[in-house]
N, C-alpha and C. Protein backbone atom coordinates (compact mmCIF):
# COMPACT_ATOMS: atom_id res chain seq x y z
N MET A 1 17.41 9.10 -34.51
CA MET A 1 17.70 7.70 -34.29
C MET A 1 18.42 7.09 -35.49
N VAL A 2 17.99 7.41 -36.70
CA VAL A 2 18.61 6.85 -37.89
C VAL A 2 20.07 7.27 -37.97
N ALA A 3 20.37 8.53 -37.62
CA ALA A 3 21.76 9.01 -37.66
C ALA A 3 22.62 8.25 -36.66
N ILE A 4 22.09 7.96 -35.49
CA ILE A 4 22.84 7.21 -34.48
C ILE A 4 23.11 5.80 -34.99
N LEU A 5 22.11 5.15 -35.57
CA LEU A 5 22.29 3.80 -36.11
C LEU A 5 23.34 3.80 -37.22
N GLN A 6 23.30 4.82 -38.07
CA GLN A 6 24.28 4.91 -39.16
C GLN A 6 25.69 5.06 -38.60
N GLU A 7 25.85 5.88 -37.56
CA GLU A 7 27.17 6.07 -36.94
C GLU A 7 27.66 4.78 -36.29
N ILE A 8 26.77 4.07 -35.61
CA ILE A 8 27.14 2.80 -34.99
C ILE A 8 27.56 1.80 -36.07
N GLU A 9 26.80 1.75 -37.16
CA GLU A 9 27.15 0.84 -38.26
C GLU A 9 28.51 1.20 -38.85
N ASN A 10 28.74 2.48 -39.09
CA ASN A 10 30.03 2.91 -39.63
C ASN A 10 31.19 2.49 -38.73
N GLN A 11 31.01 2.68 -37.43
CA GLN A 11 32.06 2.29 -36.49
C GLN A 11 32.23 0.77 -36.45
N ALA A 12 31.13 0.05 -36.48
CA ALA A 12 31.20 -1.42 -36.44
C ALA A 12 31.92 -1.97 -37.66
N LEU A 13 31.71 -1.36 -38.81
CA LEU A 13 32.34 -1.84 -40.03
C LEU A 13 33.85 -1.59 -40.05
N GLN A 14 34.34 -0.78 -39.14
CA GLN A 14 35.78 -0.55 -39.03
C GLN A 14 36.46 -1.60 -38.16
N LEU A 15 35.66 -2.43 -37.49
CA LEU A 15 36.21 -3.49 -36.65
C LEU A 15 36.73 -4.63 -37.52
N SER A 16 37.58 -5.46 -36.93
CA SER A 16 38.06 -6.64 -37.64
C SER A 16 36.90 -7.63 -37.79
N PRO A 17 37.02 -8.58 -38.71
CA PRO A 17 35.96 -9.59 -38.84
C PRO A 17 35.66 -10.30 -37.52
N HIS A 18 36.69 -10.63 -36.76
CA HIS A 18 36.47 -11.31 -35.48
C HIS A 18 35.71 -10.41 -34.51
N GLU A 19 36.09 -9.14 -34.46
CA GLU A 19 35.40 -8.20 -33.56
C GLU A 19 33.96 -7.98 -33.99
N ARG A 20 33.71 -7.92 -35.30
CA ARG A 20 32.33 -7.78 -35.78
C ARG A 20 31.51 -9.01 -35.42
N SER A 21 32.13 -10.18 -35.53
CA SER A 21 31.44 -11.41 -35.17
C SER A 21 31.07 -11.40 -33.69
N GLU A 22 32.00 -10.99 -32.87
CA GLU A 22 31.74 -10.91 -31.42
C GLU A 22 30.63 -9.90 -31.13
N LEU A 23 30.66 -8.75 -31.80
CA LEU A 23 29.61 -7.75 -31.62
C LEU A 23 28.25 -8.29 -32.04
N ALA A 24 28.21 -8.95 -33.19
CA ALA A 24 26.94 -9.52 -33.67
C ALA A 24 26.41 -10.55 -32.67
N HIS A 25 27.30 -11.39 -32.17
CA HIS A 25 26.88 -12.39 -31.18
C HIS A 25 26.30 -11.72 -29.94
N ARG A 26 26.99 -10.70 -29.44
CA ARG A 26 26.50 -10.01 -28.24
C ARG A 26 25.15 -9.35 -28.47
N LEU A 27 24.96 -8.77 -29.65
CA LEU A 27 23.67 -8.14 -29.94
C LEU A 27 22.56 -9.17 -30.01
N ILE A 28 22.83 -10.30 -30.65
CA ILE A 28 21.82 -11.35 -30.73
C ILE A 28 21.49 -11.89 -29.35
N VAL A 29 22.51 -12.12 -28.54
CA VAL A 29 22.29 -12.61 -27.18
C VAL A 29 21.46 -11.61 -26.38
N SER A 30 21.68 -10.32 -26.61
CA SER A 30 20.94 -9.31 -25.86
C SER A 30 19.45 -9.35 -26.17
N LEU A 31 19.06 -9.94 -27.29
CA LEU A 31 17.66 -10.05 -27.66
C LEU A 31 16.99 -11.27 -27.03
N GLU A 32 17.79 -12.20 -26.56
CA GLU A 32 17.26 -13.43 -25.99
C GLU A 32 16.94 -13.21 -24.51
N GLU A 33 15.99 -13.97 -24.03
CA GLU A 33 15.58 -13.83 -22.64
C GLU A 33 16.60 -14.42 -21.67
N GLU A 34 17.12 -15.57 -21.99
CA GLU A 34 18.09 -16.22 -21.11
C GLU A 34 19.48 -16.12 -21.72
N PRO A 35 20.50 -15.87 -20.91
CA PRO A 35 21.86 -15.82 -21.47
C PRO A 35 22.27 -17.19 -21.99
N GLU A 36 23.04 -17.19 -23.05
CA GLU A 36 23.52 -18.45 -23.59
C GLU A 36 25.02 -18.56 -23.34
N ASP A 37 25.59 -19.67 -23.73
CA ASP A 37 27.02 -19.90 -23.52
C ASP A 37 27.86 -18.83 -24.19
N SER A 38 29.04 -18.64 -23.67
CA SER A 38 29.97 -17.68 -24.24
C SER A 38 30.49 -18.20 -25.58
N PRO A 39 31.00 -17.30 -26.42
CA PRO A 39 31.58 -17.75 -27.69
C PRO A 39 32.70 -18.77 -27.49
N GLU A 40 33.47 -18.61 -26.42
CA GLU A 40 34.55 -19.55 -26.15
C GLU A 40 34.01 -20.94 -25.84
N THR A 41 32.93 -21.00 -25.06
CA THR A 41 32.31 -22.28 -24.72
C THR A 41 31.75 -22.96 -25.98
N ILE A 42 31.12 -22.17 -26.83
CA ILE A 42 30.57 -22.70 -28.07
C ILE A 42 31.69 -23.22 -28.96
N ALA A 43 32.77 -22.43 -29.10
CA ALA A 43 33.90 -22.85 -29.93
C ALA A 43 34.51 -24.14 -29.40
N LYS A 44 34.62 -24.26 -28.07
CA LYS A 44 35.17 -25.48 -27.47
C LYS A 44 34.27 -26.68 -27.78
N ALA A 45 32.95 -26.47 -27.67
CA ALA A 45 32.01 -27.56 -27.97
C ALA A 45 32.13 -27.99 -29.42
N TRP A 46 32.28 -27.04 -30.35
CA TRP A 46 32.45 -27.39 -31.76
C TRP A 46 33.76 -28.14 -31.98
N ASP A 47 34.83 -27.68 -31.32
CA ASP A 47 36.11 -28.38 -31.44
C ASP A 47 35.99 -29.83 -30.99
N GLU A 48 35.27 -30.04 -29.89
CA GLU A 48 35.08 -31.39 -29.38
C GLU A 48 34.24 -32.22 -30.35
N GLU A 49 33.21 -31.61 -30.93
CA GLU A 49 32.36 -32.32 -31.88
C GLU A 49 33.15 -32.70 -33.14
N ILE A 50 33.96 -31.79 -33.62
CA ILE A 50 34.79 -32.07 -34.79
C ILE A 50 35.76 -33.22 -34.49
N ALA A 51 36.40 -33.17 -33.32
CA ALA A 51 37.33 -34.23 -32.94
C ALA A 51 36.61 -35.57 -32.85
N ARG A 52 35.40 -35.58 -32.31
CA ARG A 52 34.62 -36.81 -32.20
C ARG A 52 34.30 -37.37 -33.58
N ARG A 53 33.89 -36.48 -34.50
CA ARG A 53 33.54 -36.94 -35.85
C ARG A 53 34.76 -37.46 -36.59
N VAL A 54 35.89 -36.80 -36.44
CA VAL A 54 37.12 -37.26 -37.09
C VAL A 54 37.51 -38.62 -36.53
N ALA A 55 37.42 -38.78 -35.20
CA ALA A 55 37.77 -40.06 -34.58
C ALA A 55 36.85 -41.16 -35.08
N ASP A 56 35.55 -40.87 -35.20
CA ASP A 56 34.60 -41.85 -35.73
C ASP A 56 34.96 -42.25 -37.16
N LEU A 57 35.32 -41.27 -37.97
CA LEU A 57 35.70 -41.55 -39.35
C LEU A 57 36.96 -42.41 -39.40
N GLU A 58 37.96 -42.03 -38.63
CA GLU A 58 39.22 -42.78 -38.63
C GLU A 58 39.05 -44.20 -38.10
N ALA A 59 38.09 -44.38 -37.19
CA ALA A 59 37.84 -45.71 -36.64
C ALA A 59 36.94 -46.55 -37.55
N GLY A 60 36.46 -45.95 -38.63
CA GLY A 60 35.62 -46.68 -39.56
C GLY A 60 34.16 -46.76 -39.14
N HIS A 61 33.75 -45.96 -38.17
CA HIS A 61 32.36 -45.98 -37.69
C HIS A 61 31.42 -45.16 -38.57
N THR A 62 31.98 -44.25 -39.33
CA THR A 62 31.17 -43.41 -40.20
C THR A 62 31.81 -43.36 -41.58
N GLN A 63 31.02 -42.92 -42.53
CA GLN A 63 31.52 -42.82 -43.90
C GLN A 63 31.12 -41.46 -44.45
N TRP A 64 32.08 -40.78 -45.04
CA TRP A 64 31.79 -39.47 -45.64
C TRP A 64 31.08 -39.68 -46.97
N ILE A 65 30.16 -38.78 -47.26
CA ILE A 65 29.48 -38.78 -48.55
C ILE A 65 29.98 -37.55 -49.29
N PRO A 66 30.51 -37.72 -50.51
CA PRO A 66 31.00 -36.57 -51.25
C PRO A 66 29.91 -35.51 -51.45
N ALA A 67 30.28 -34.26 -51.36
CA ALA A 67 29.32 -33.16 -51.50
C ALA A 67 28.57 -33.24 -52.82
N GLU A 68 29.28 -33.63 -53.89
CA GLU A 68 28.63 -33.72 -55.20
C GLU A 68 27.46 -34.68 -55.16
N LYS A 69 27.65 -35.81 -54.47
CA LYS A 69 26.57 -36.81 -54.39
C LYS A 69 25.40 -36.26 -53.58
N VAL A 70 25.70 -35.58 -52.49
CA VAL A 70 24.63 -34.99 -51.67
C VAL A 70 23.83 -33.98 -52.49
N PHE A 71 24.54 -33.11 -53.22
CA PHE A 71 23.85 -32.11 -54.03
C PHE A 71 23.01 -32.76 -55.12
N GLU A 72 23.51 -33.84 -55.73
CA GLU A 72 22.74 -34.56 -56.74
C GLU A 72 21.45 -35.09 -56.13
N GLU A 73 21.54 -35.66 -54.93
CA GLU A 73 20.36 -36.21 -54.27
C GLU A 73 19.37 -35.11 -53.91
N VAL A 74 19.88 -33.97 -53.44
CA VAL A 74 19.00 -32.84 -53.11
C VAL A 74 18.32 -32.33 -54.37
N ASP A 75 19.09 -32.17 -55.45
CA ASP A 75 18.50 -31.72 -56.72
C ASP A 75 17.42 -32.68 -57.19
N ALA A 76 17.66 -33.98 -57.04
CA ALA A 76 16.67 -34.98 -57.46
C ALA A 76 15.40 -34.85 -56.63
N LEU A 77 15.55 -34.64 -55.33
CA LEU A 77 14.37 -34.48 -54.46
C LEU A 77 13.59 -33.23 -54.82
N ILE A 78 14.30 -32.16 -55.10
CA ILE A 78 13.63 -30.90 -55.48
C ILE A 78 12.90 -31.08 -56.81
N ALA A 79 13.57 -31.72 -57.77
CA ALA A 79 12.96 -31.95 -59.07
C ALA A 79 11.70 -32.81 -58.92
N LYS A 80 11.76 -33.80 -58.06
CA LYS A 80 10.61 -34.69 -57.84
C LYS A 80 9.42 -33.92 -57.26
N ARG A 81 9.71 -32.97 -56.34
CA ARG A 81 8.63 -32.19 -55.71
C ARG A 81 8.03 -31.16 -56.65
N THR A 82 8.79 -30.71 -57.63
CA THR A 82 8.28 -29.66 -58.53
C THR A 82 7.57 -30.21 -59.75
N ARG A 83 7.52 -31.52 -59.86
CA ARG A 83 6.84 -32.13 -61.02
C ARG A 83 5.35 -32.05 -60.85
C-alpha cells in the first residue's frame, strides 16, 4: 500500500498547480458525505462576492482597513491575552 501511495504522489506532483488543485479538491469531496458545488460554481460565487465588495467600496458603503493596522490590533489582542 505504501508503494502505491508513493507512486500516486509522484505522479500527482508532476501535474500542473491547477491540476493538483483540482485533484486535491476531488479527493476532499470524495471524503464528504454529500457532494458539494463544482470548482467552477465556487469560483463564480467568489467572483460575484469580489465584485459585490468592490462595488460597495466604490459606492462608499464600506471602508478598507490597512493590513498593517489589522495586524497591530491582532498583536495587541494576543499580547493582552498572554499577560
